[in-house]
Amino acid sequence: MNRRIRVGLVSDTHGLLRPEALAALAGADFIVHAGDIGDAAILTRLTAIAPVTAVRGNNDVAAWANGIPDTQHLDVGGKRIFVIHDLAALAIDPVAEGFDVVVSGHSHRPKCERRGEVLYVNPGSAGPRRFRLPIAVGMLTIEGDDIDAELVMLDDAVANTTRPAAARSIPR
């Protein structure tokens, strides 16, 4: 029997970790923060939910962020996840390196797409609103050979304090 593992995805908090984002990430086995964290306290709060893997974003320039790497990888449930803040800076071939998922942030635009055998997920921004872009987080579910990604739009939750609506990706 395959164990179901949930990996919460968050990015671009810029020092603001909304209660709705915390609620959407509750129950995650692991959390990935794809940069532009904004404050070390964000990572502390996320670690209260699950172990955190984080990368530094282009705005994470204060002394507290000096020890945070530009890229990371996480091996979980037999799957390999590569984490980078800005996808445009990706300097590896994820297929050649054996990655199943690439998680990025930076654009504040939630997006999930499969490129060949690799799933690319940008959870969007869970921090301050930028332009008219949605407030969102993501969730990966790994079960055996299957990886499913869900983008959780928090806009309704922020505006109405209702349960977040979900948009499903195309599973492998």
N, C-alpha and C. Protein backbone atom coordinates (compact mmCIF):
# COMPACT_ATOMS: atom_id res chain seq x y z
N MET A 1 0.84 -1.18 0.00
CA MET A 1 0.00 0.00 0.00
C MET A 1 0.89 1.25 0.00
N ASN A 2 0.61 2.18 -0.91
CA ASN A 2 1.39 3.40 -1.01
C ASN A 2 0.89 4.44 -0.02
N ARG A 3 1.85 5.08 0.62
CA ARG A 3 1.53 6.15 1.56
C ARG A 3 1.27 7.43 0.78
N ARG A 4 0.26 8.16 1.16
CA ARG A 4 -0.08 9.44 0.54
C ARG A 4 0.68 10.54 1.27
N ILE A 5 1.48 11.30 0.52
CA ILE A 5 2.30 12.37 1.09
C ILE A 5 1.86 13.69 0.48
N ARG A 6 1.68 14.68 1.34
CA ARG A 6 1.25 16.01 0.88
C ARG A 6 2.38 17.02 1.12
N VAL A 7 2.71 17.76 0.06
CA VAL A 7 3.76 18.78 0.13
C VAL A 7 3.11 20.13 -0.16
N GLY A 8 3.06 20.98 0.86
CA GLY A 8 2.50 22.31 0.70
C GLY A 8 3.48 23.21 -0.04
N LEU A 9 2.96 24.04 -0.94
CA LEU A 9 3.80 24.94 -1.74
C LEU A 9 3.37 26.38 -1.49
N VAL A 10 4.35 27.23 -1.19
CA VAL A 10 4.06 28.63 -0.94
C VAL A 10 5.22 29.45 -1.50
N SER A 11 4.92 30.66 -1.90
CA SER A 11 5.95 31.54 -2.44
C SER A 11 5.54 32.99 -2.26
N ASP A 12 6.52 33.85 -2.39
CA ASP A 12 6.30 35.29 -2.44
C ASP A 12 5.39 35.81 -1.32
N THR A 13 5.75 35.43 -0.10
CA THR A 13 5.01 35.94 1.06
C THR A 13 5.42 37.37 1.39
N HIS A 14 6.63 37.77 1.05
CA HIS A 14 7.10 39.14 1.26
C HIS A 14 6.78 39.65 2.67
N GLY A 15 6.97 38.75 3.66
CA GLY A 15 6.77 39.14 5.05
C GLY A 15 5.34 39.03 5.56
N LEU A 16 4.41 38.59 4.70
CA LEU A 16 3.00 38.46 5.09
C LEU A 16 2.56 37.01 4.90
N LEU A 17 2.27 36.33 6.00
CA LEU A 17 1.76 34.97 5.92
C LEU A 17 0.31 35.00 6.39
N ARG A 18 -0.59 34.97 5.44
CA ARG A 18 -2.02 35.09 5.72
C ARG A 18 -2.55 33.86 6.47
N PRO A 19 -3.50 34.05 7.38
CA PRO A 19 -4.11 32.92 8.07
C PRO A 19 -4.74 31.92 7.09
N GLU A 20 -5.27 32.42 5.99
CA GLU A 20 -5.88 31.54 4.99
C GLU A 20 -4.83 30.64 4.35
N ALA A 21 -3.63 31.16 4.17
CA ALA A 21 -2.55 30.34 3.63
C ALA A 21 -2.15 29.26 4.62
N LEU A 22 -2.05 29.63 5.89
CA LEU A 22 -1.73 28.64 6.92
C LEU A 22 -2.79 27.54 6.96
N ALA A 23 -4.05 27.93 6.87
CA ALA A 23 -5.13 26.94 6.90
C ALA A 23 -5.05 26.01 5.69
N ALA A 24 -4.72 26.56 4.52
CA ALA A 24 -4.63 25.73 3.31
C ALA A 24 -3.44 24.78 3.37
N LEU A 25 -2.40 25.15 4.07
CA LEU A 25 -1.20 24.31 4.18
C LEU A 25 -1.28 23.31 5.33
N ALA A 26 -2.26 23.47 6.21
CA ALA A 26 -2.42 22.54 7.34
C ALA A 26 -2.59 21.12 6.81
N GLY A 27 -1.95 20.20 7.47
CA GLY A 27 -2.04 18.80 7.06
C GLY A 27 -0.94 18.39 6.10
N ALA A 28 -0.11 19.33 5.68
CA ALA A 28 1.02 18.99 4.80
C ALA A 28 2.06 18.20 5.59
N ASP A 29 2.71 17.26 4.92
CA ASP A 29 3.79 16.50 5.53
C ASP A 29 5.12 17.26 5.42
N PHE A 30 5.22 18.07 4.37
CA PHE A 30 6.38 18.91 4.11
C PHE A 30 5.87 20.21 3.51
N ILE A 31 6.67 21.28 3.63
CA ILE A 31 6.33 22.55 3.01
C ILE A 31 7.54 23.05 2.24
N VAL A 32 7.29 23.56 1.04
CA VAL A 32 8.31 24.18 0.21
C VAL A 32 7.97 25.66 0.09
N HIS A 33 8.94 26.54 0.40
CA HIS A 33 8.77 27.98 0.18
C HIS A 33 9.71 28.37 -0.95
N ALA A 34 9.15 28.86 -2.06
CA ALA A 34 9.93 29.14 -3.26
C ALA A 34 10.44 30.58 -3.31
N GLY A 35 10.74 31.17 -2.19
CA GLY A 35 11.46 32.43 -2.14
C GLY A 35 10.63 33.68 -2.04
N ASP A 36 11.34 34.80 -1.85
CA ASP A 36 10.76 36.08 -1.47
C ASP A 36 9.95 35.89 -0.19
N ILE A 37 10.64 35.36 0.79
CA ILE A 37 10.07 35.04 2.10
C ILE A 37 9.75 36.33 2.85
N GLY A 38 10.73 37.22 2.91
CA GLY A 38 10.50 38.54 3.49
C GLY A 38 10.80 38.68 4.96
N ASP A 39 10.79 37.59 5.71
CA ASP A 39 11.01 37.67 7.16
C ASP A 39 11.24 36.25 7.67
N ALA A 40 12.27 36.07 8.50
CA ALA A 40 12.58 34.74 9.05
C ALA A 40 11.41 34.16 9.84
N ALA A 41 10.57 35.02 10.40
CA ALA A 41 9.42 34.55 11.18
C ALA A 41 8.45 33.75 10.33
N ILE A 42 8.42 34.00 9.03
CA ILE A 42 7.55 33.23 8.12
C ILE A 42 7.95 31.76 8.16
N LEU A 43 9.24 31.51 8.06
CA LEU A 43 9.72 30.12 8.08
C LEU A 43 9.45 29.45 9.42
N THR A 44 9.58 30.21 10.50
CA THR A 44 9.29 29.68 11.83
C THR A 44 7.83 29.26 11.92
N ARG A 45 6.94 30.09 11.43
CA ARG A 45 5.50 29.77 11.48
C ARG A 45 5.18 28.56 10.61
N LEU A 46 5.82 28.46 9.45
CA LEU A 46 5.57 27.30 8.57
C LEU A 46 6.11 26.02 9.19
N THR A 47 7.26 26.11 9.86
CA THR A 47 7.85 24.93 10.50
C THR A 47 6.96 24.37 11.60
N ALA A 48 6.07 25.19 12.14
CA ALA A 48 5.12 24.69 13.14
C ALA A 48 4.12 23.72 12.50
N ILE A 49 3.96 23.79 11.18
CA ILE A 49 3.06 22.88 10.46
C ILE A 49 3.80 21.63 10.02
N ALA A 50 4.98 21.80 9.39
CA ALA A 50 5.72 20.68 8.82
C ALA A 50 7.15 21.13 8.54
N PRO A 51 8.08 20.18 8.32
CA PRO A 51 9.44 20.57 7.94
C PRO A 51 9.42 21.42 6.66
N VAL A 52 10.28 22.45 6.62
CA VAL A 52 10.29 23.41 5.52
C VAL A 52 11.59 23.34 4.73
N THR A 53 11.45 23.33 3.42
CA THR A 53 12.56 23.49 2.49
C THR A 53 12.34 24.83 1.81
N ALA A 54 13.31 25.74 1.91
CA ALA A 54 13.12 27.10 1.37
C ALA A 54 14.31 27.53 0.53
N VAL A 55 14.03 28.39 -0.44
CA VAL A 55 15.09 29.02 -1.23
C VAL A 55 14.97 30.53 -1.08
N ARG A 56 16.07 31.19 -1.36
CA ARG A 56 16.12 32.65 -1.27
C ARG A 56 15.55 33.25 -2.55
N GLY A 57 14.73 34.26 -2.39
CA GLY A 57 14.22 35.01 -3.53
C GLY A 57 15.03 36.26 -3.77
N ASN A 58 14.78 36.95 -4.86
CA ASN A 58 15.54 38.15 -5.20
C ASN A 58 15.34 39.28 -4.18
N ASN A 59 14.28 39.24 -3.38
CA ASN A 59 14.06 40.25 -2.35
C ASN A 59 14.54 39.83 -0.96
N ASP A 60 15.04 38.62 -0.84
CA ASP A 60 15.53 38.12 0.45
C ASP A 60 17.00 38.49 0.60
N VAL A 61 17.25 39.78 0.88
CA VAL A 61 18.62 40.30 0.90
C VAL A 61 19.10 40.67 2.31
N ALA A 62 18.23 40.59 3.31
CA ALA A 62 18.63 40.93 4.68
C ALA A 62 19.53 39.83 5.25
N ALA A 63 20.23 40.15 6.32
CA ALA A 63 21.19 39.22 6.93
C ALA A 63 20.56 37.88 7.31
N TRP A 64 19.30 37.88 7.75
CA TRP A 64 18.66 36.63 8.17
C TRP A 64 18.60 35.60 7.04
N ALA A 65 18.64 36.07 5.78
CA ALA A 65 18.51 35.17 4.62
C ALA A 65 19.85 34.67 4.09
N ASN A 66 20.96 35.09 4.70
CA ASN A 66 22.28 34.71 4.18
C ASN A 66 22.49 33.20 4.07
N GLY A 67 21.92 32.43 4.97
CA GLY A 67 22.12 30.98 4.95
C GLY A 67 21.13 30.22 4.08
N ILE A 68 20.23 30.91 3.44
CA ILE A 68 19.22 30.24 2.62
C ILE A 68 19.77 30.12 1.20
N PRO A 69 19.81 28.90 0.65
CA PRO A 69 20.38 28.71 -0.69
C PRO A 69 19.46 29.21 -1.80
N ASP A 70 20.04 29.40 -2.98
CA ASP A 70 19.28 29.83 -4.15
C ASP A 70 18.46 28.70 -4.75
N THR A 71 18.91 27.48 -4.58
CA THR A 71 18.17 26.30 -5.05
C THR A 71 18.24 25.22 -3.98
N GLN A 72 17.26 24.35 -4.01
CA GLN A 72 17.21 23.21 -3.09
C GLN A 72 16.57 22.05 -3.82
N HIS A 73 16.73 20.89 -3.25
CA HIS A 73 15.92 19.77 -3.73
C HIS A 73 15.44 18.97 -2.53
N LEU A 74 14.32 18.33 -2.76
CA LEU A 74 13.66 17.54 -1.72
C LEU A 74 13.31 16.19 -2.33
N ASP A 75 13.73 15.13 -1.66
CA ASP A 75 13.37 13.78 -2.08
C ASP A 75 12.30 13.28 -1.13
N VAL A 76 11.12 13.01 -1.67
CA VAL A 76 10.01 12.60 -0.82
C VAL A 76 9.12 11.61 -1.58
N GLY A 77 8.79 10.52 -0.92
CA GLY A 77 7.90 9.52 -1.52
C GLY A 77 8.43 8.94 -2.81
N GLY A 78 9.76 8.88 -2.95
CA GLY A 78 10.36 8.35 -4.17
C GLY A 78 10.37 9.34 -5.32
N LYS A 79 10.01 10.58 -5.07
CA LYS A 79 9.99 11.63 -6.09
C LYS A 79 11.00 12.71 -5.73
N ARG A 80 11.55 13.33 -6.76
CA ARG A 80 12.54 14.40 -6.56
C ARG A 80 11.94 15.73 -6.97
N ILE A 81 12.03 16.70 -6.06
CA ILE A 81 11.47 18.04 -6.27
C ILE A 81 12.63 19.04 -6.27
N PHE A 82 12.74 19.84 -7.32
CA PHE A 82 13.74 20.90 -7.41
C PHE A 82 13.05 22.23 -7.13
N VAL A 83 13.68 23.07 -6.30
CA VAL A 83 13.08 24.34 -5.90
C VAL A 83 14.01 25.48 -6.30
N ILE A 84 13.43 26.49 -6.96
CA ILE A 84 14.16 27.69 -7.38
C ILE A 84 13.18 28.85 -7.34
N HIS A 85 13.65 30.04 -7.06
CA HIS A 85 12.73 31.17 -7.00
C HIS A 85 12.26 31.60 -8.40
N ASP A 86 13.20 31.90 -9.27
CA ASP A 86 12.87 32.42 -10.60
C ASP A 86 13.16 31.35 -11.64
N LEU A 87 12.12 30.83 -12.25
CA LEU A 87 12.27 29.76 -13.24
C LEU A 87 13.20 30.16 -14.38
N ALA A 88 13.27 31.45 -14.70
CA ALA A 88 14.17 31.92 -15.76
C ALA A 88 15.63 31.67 -15.42
N ALA A 89 15.95 31.46 -14.15
CA ALA A 89 17.32 31.21 -13.72
C ALA A 89 17.64 29.71 -13.66
N LEU A 90 16.74 28.86 -14.08
CA LEU A 90 16.95 27.41 -14.04
C LEU A 90 18.14 27.05 -14.93
N ALA A 91 19.19 26.54 -14.33
CA ALA A 91 20.43 26.25 -15.05
C ALA A 91 20.70 24.76 -15.18
N ILE A 92 19.71 23.94 -14.89
CA ILE A 92 19.87 22.49 -15.02
C ILE A 92 18.82 21.95 -15.97
N ASP A 93 19.02 20.74 -16.42
CA ASP A 93 18.00 20.02 -17.18
C ASP A 93 17.32 19.08 -16.18
N PRO A 94 16.09 19.42 -15.75
CA PRO A 94 15.43 18.61 -14.73
C PRO A 94 15.30 17.13 -15.11
N VAL A 95 15.08 16.83 -16.37
CA VAL A 95 14.96 15.44 -16.80
C VAL A 95 16.30 14.72 -16.62
N ALA A 96 17.37 15.34 -17.11
CA ALA A 96 18.70 14.73 -17.00
C ALA A 96 19.12 14.54 -15.55
N GLU A 97 18.67 15.45 -14.68
CA GLU A 97 19.03 15.38 -13.26
C GLU A 97 18.08 14.49 -12.46
N GLY A 98 17.05 13.97 -13.11
CA GLY A 98 16.14 13.03 -12.46
C GLY A 98 15.06 13.66 -11.59
N PHE A 99 14.70 14.92 -11.87
CA PHE A 99 13.65 15.57 -11.09
C PHE A 99 12.28 15.29 -11.69
N ASP A 100 11.32 15.10 -10.80
CA ASP A 100 9.93 14.88 -11.20
C ASP A 100 9.12 16.16 -11.20
N VAL A 101 9.52 17.10 -10.32
CA VAL A 101 8.78 18.35 -10.14
C VAL A 101 9.78 19.50 -10.02
N VAL A 102 9.44 20.65 -10.62
CA VAL A 102 10.18 21.89 -10.41
C VAL A 102 9.18 22.88 -9.81
N VAL A 103 9.53 23.41 -8.63
CA VAL A 103 8.70 24.41 -7.96
C VAL A 103 9.43 25.74 -8.04
N SER A 104 8.71 26.78 -8.47
CA SER A 104 9.28 28.11 -8.55
C SER A 104 8.27 29.13 -8.06
N GLY A 105 8.70 30.36 -7.95
CA GLY A 105 7.83 31.46 -7.56
C GLY A 105 8.11 32.65 -8.46
N HIS A 106 8.31 33.81 -7.87
CA HIS A 106 8.75 35.04 -8.50
C HIS A 106 7.68 35.79 -9.29
N SER A 107 6.94 35.12 -10.14
CA SER A 107 5.99 35.81 -11.03
C SER A 107 4.70 36.21 -10.32
N HIS A 108 4.42 35.61 -9.18
CA HIS A 108 3.17 35.81 -8.43
C HIS A 108 1.97 35.22 -9.18
N ARG A 109 2.21 34.51 -10.27
CA ARG A 109 1.13 33.92 -11.08
C ARG A 109 1.05 32.42 -10.80
N PRO A 110 -0.04 31.95 -10.19
CA PRO A 110 -0.16 30.51 -9.97
C PRO A 110 -0.25 29.79 -11.31
N LYS A 111 0.53 28.73 -11.44
CA LYS A 111 0.55 28.00 -12.71
C LYS A 111 1.03 26.58 -12.46
N CYS A 112 0.43 25.67 -13.17
CA CYS A 112 0.82 24.27 -13.09
C CYS A 112 0.78 23.71 -14.51
N GLU A 113 1.89 23.14 -14.94
CA GLU A 113 1.92 22.54 -16.28
C GLU A 113 2.92 21.41 -16.31
N ARG A 114 2.63 20.45 -17.14
CA ARG A 114 3.54 19.34 -17.36
C ARG A 114 4.29 19.59 -18.66
N ARG A 115 5.60 19.50 -18.57
CA ARG A 115 6.47 19.59 -19.74
C ARG A 115 7.17 18.25 -19.86
N GLY A 116 6.67 17.42 -20.74
CA GLY A 116 7.21 16.07 -20.83
C GLY A 116 6.93 15.32 -19.54
N GLU A 117 7.97 14.81 -18.93
CA GLU A 117 7.82 14.03 -17.70
C GLU A 117 7.93 14.87 -16.43
N VAL A 118 8.17 16.18 -16.57
CA VAL A 118 8.38 17.03 -15.40
C VAL A 118 7.17 17.93 -15.18
N LEU A 119 6.74 17.98 -13.94
CA LEU A 119 5.64 18.84 -13.53
C LEU A 119 6.23 20.15 -13.01
N TYR A 120 5.81 21.28 -13.58
CA TYR A 120 6.27 22.60 -13.15
C TYR A 120 5.12 23.27 -12.40
N VAL A 121 5.41 23.71 -11.17
CA VAL A 121 4.37 24.34 -10.35
C VAL A 121 4.89 25.65 -9.77
N ASN A 122 4.12 26.69 -9.98
CA ASN A 122 4.33 27.97 -9.32
C ASN A 122 3.08 28.21 -8.47
N PRO A 123 3.22 28.19 -7.14
CA PRO A 123 2.02 28.35 -6.30
C PRO A 123 1.47 29.77 -6.27
N GLY A 124 2.12 30.70 -6.96
CA GLY A 124 1.67 32.08 -6.94
C GLY A 124 2.16 32.78 -5.69
N SER A 125 1.46 33.79 -5.27
CA SER A 125 1.85 34.57 -4.10
C SER A 125 0.83 34.41 -2.98
N ALA A 126 1.35 34.12 -1.78
CA ALA A 126 0.48 34.05 -0.60
C ALA A 126 0.62 35.32 0.23
N GLY A 127 1.38 36.28 -0.26
CA GLY A 127 1.63 37.52 0.49
C GLY A 127 0.80 38.67 -0.03
N PRO A 128 1.37 39.86 -0.03
CA PRO A 128 0.64 41.04 -0.50
C PRO A 128 0.20 40.89 -1.96
N ARG A 129 -0.98 41.37 -2.26
CA ARG A 129 -1.48 41.28 -3.64
C ARG A 129 -0.63 42.14 -4.56
N ARG A 130 -0.34 41.61 -5.73
CA ARG A 130 0.40 42.33 -6.76
C ARG A 130 -0.52 42.49 -7.95
N PHE A 131 -0.77 43.71 -8.31
CA PHE A 131 -1.68 44.02 -9.41
C PHE A 131 -3.02 43.34 -9.14
N ARG A 132 -3.54 42.62 -10.12
CA ARG A 132 -4.81 41.89 -9.93
C ARG A 132 -4.60 40.39 -9.86
N LEU A 133 -3.39 39.98 -9.57
CA LEU A 133 -3.08 38.55 -9.51
C LEU A 133 -3.71 37.93 -8.26
N PRO A 134 -4.10 36.66 -8.36
CA PRO A 134 -4.74 36.01 -7.21
C PRO A 134 -3.77 35.74 -6.06
N ILE A 135 -4.32 35.57 -4.89
CA ILE A 135 -3.59 35.11 -3.71
C ILE A 135 -3.75 33.59 -3.71
N ALA A 136 -2.63 32.85 -3.63
CA ALA A 136 -2.73 31.40 -3.78
C ALA A 136 -1.58 30.66 -3.10
N VAL A 137 -1.79 29.39 -2.87
CA VAL A 137 -0.76 28.43 -2.46
C VAL A 137 -0.99 27.17 -3.30
N GLY A 138 -0.15 26.19 -3.10
CA GLY A 138 -0.32 24.94 -3.84
C GLY A 138 -0.14 23.75 -2.93
N MET A 139 -0.52 22.59 -3.44
CA MET A 139 -0.35 21.35 -2.71
C MET A 139 -0.01 20.23 -3.70
N LEU A 140 1.09 19.55 -3.46
CA LEU A 140 1.43 18.35 -4.22
C LEU A 140 0.97 17.15 -3.40
N THR A 141 0.38 16.19 -4.07
CA THR A 141 0.04 14.93 -3.42
C THR A 141 0.79 13.84 -4.16
N ILE A 142 1.60 13.10 -3.41
CA ILE A 142 2.40 12.02 -3.98
C ILE A 142 1.87 10.71 -3.39
N GLU A 143 1.51 9.81 -4.28
CA GLU A 143 1.02 8.50 -3.85
C GLU A 143 1.50 7.48 -4.86
N GLY A 144 2.49 6.69 -4.45
CA GLY A 144 3.09 5.73 -5.38
C GLY A 144 3.77 6.47 -6.52
N ASP A 145 3.41 6.12 -7.76
CA ASP A 145 3.98 6.77 -8.93
C ASP A 145 3.24 8.04 -9.32
N ASP A 146 2.13 8.33 -8.68
CA ASP A 146 1.31 9.47 -9.06
C ASP A 146 1.70 10.74 -8.29
N ILE A 147 1.75 11.85 -9.04
CA ILE A 147 1.94 13.16 -8.44
C ILE A 147 0.80 14.03 -8.95
N ASP A 148 0.07 14.61 -8.03
CA ASP A 148 -1.04 15.50 -8.38
C ASP A 148 -0.74 16.86 -7.78
N ALA A 149 -0.99 17.91 -8.54
CA ALA A 149 -0.78 19.27 -8.04
C ALA A 149 -2.10 20.00 -8.01
N GLU A 150 -2.30 20.74 -6.95
CA GLU A 150 -3.52 21.51 -6.76
C GLU A 150 -3.11 22.95 -6.45
N LEU A 151 -3.71 23.89 -7.15
CA LEU A 151 -3.51 25.30 -6.84
C LEU A 151 -4.72 25.76 -6.05
N VAL A 152 -4.48 26.31 -4.88
CA VAL A 152 -5.56 26.71 -3.98
C VAL A 152 -5.66 28.24 -4.01
N MET A 153 -6.72 28.73 -4.63
CA MET A 153 -6.93 30.17 -4.73
C MET A 153 -7.54 30.67 -3.42
N LEU A 154 -6.87 31.62 -2.79
CA LEU A 154 -7.30 32.12 -1.49
C LEU A 154 -8.09 33.42 -1.60
N ASP A 155 -8.29 33.93 -2.79
CA ASP A 155 -8.99 35.20 -2.97
C ASP A 155 -10.35 35.21 -2.29
N ASP A 156 -11.15 34.16 -2.51
CA ASP A 156 -12.46 34.11 -1.89
C ASP A 156 -12.34 34.03 -0.37
N ALA A 157 -11.34 33.27 0.08
CA ALA A 157 -11.14 33.14 1.52
C ALA A 157 -10.72 34.48 2.12
N VAL A 158 -9.87 35.21 1.41
CA VAL A 158 -9.43 36.52 1.90
C VAL A 158 -10.60 37.50 1.93
N ALA A 159 -11.40 37.49 0.87
CA ALA A 159 -12.51 38.45 0.77
C ALA A 159 -13.70 38.08 1.65
N ASN A 160 -14.00 36.78 1.71
CA ASN A 160 -15.24 36.36 2.36
C ASN A 160 -15.03 35.47 3.59
N THR A 161 -13.78 35.16 3.90
CA THR A 161 -13.44 34.22 4.96
C THR A 161 -14.22 32.91 4.81
N THR A 162 -14.27 32.42 3.56
CA THR A 162 -14.88 31.12 3.28
C THR A 162 -13.78 30.13 2.97
N ARG A 163 -14.16 28.90 2.78
CA ARG A 163 -13.19 27.86 2.47
C ARG A 163 -12.57 28.13 1.10
N PRO A 164 -11.21 27.96 0.97
CA PRO A 164 -10.56 28.20 -0.31
C PRO A 164 -11.08 27.28 -1.41
N ALA A 165 -11.20 27.83 -2.61
CA ALA A 165 -11.57 27.04 -3.78
C ALA A 165 -10.31 26.44 -4.36
N ALA A 166 -10.41 25.29 -5.00
CA ALA A 166 -9.25 24.61 -5.55
C ALA A 166 -9.36 24.46 -7.06
N ALA A 167 -8.22 24.52 -7.73
CA ALA A 167 -8.14 24.25 -9.15
C ALA A 167 -7.20 23.08 -9.33
N ARG A 168 -7.63 22.02 -9.96
CA ARG A 168 -6.82 20.81 -10.09
C ARG A 168 -5.96 20.88 -11.34
N SER A 169 -4.79 20.31 -11.25
CA SER A 169 -3.93 20.20 -12.42
C SER A 169 -4.21 18.87 -13.11
N ILE A 170 -3.57 18.70 -14.22
CA ILE A 170 -3.66 17.42 -14.94
C ILE A 170 -2.68 16.47 -14.30
N PRO A 171 -3.16 15.36 -13.70
CA PRO A 171 -2.23 14.42 -13.07
C PRO A 171 -1.42 13.68 -14.13
N ARG A 172 -0.33 13.10 -13.69
CA ARG A 172 0.57 12.36 -14.58
C ARG A 172 -0.12 11.15 -15.14
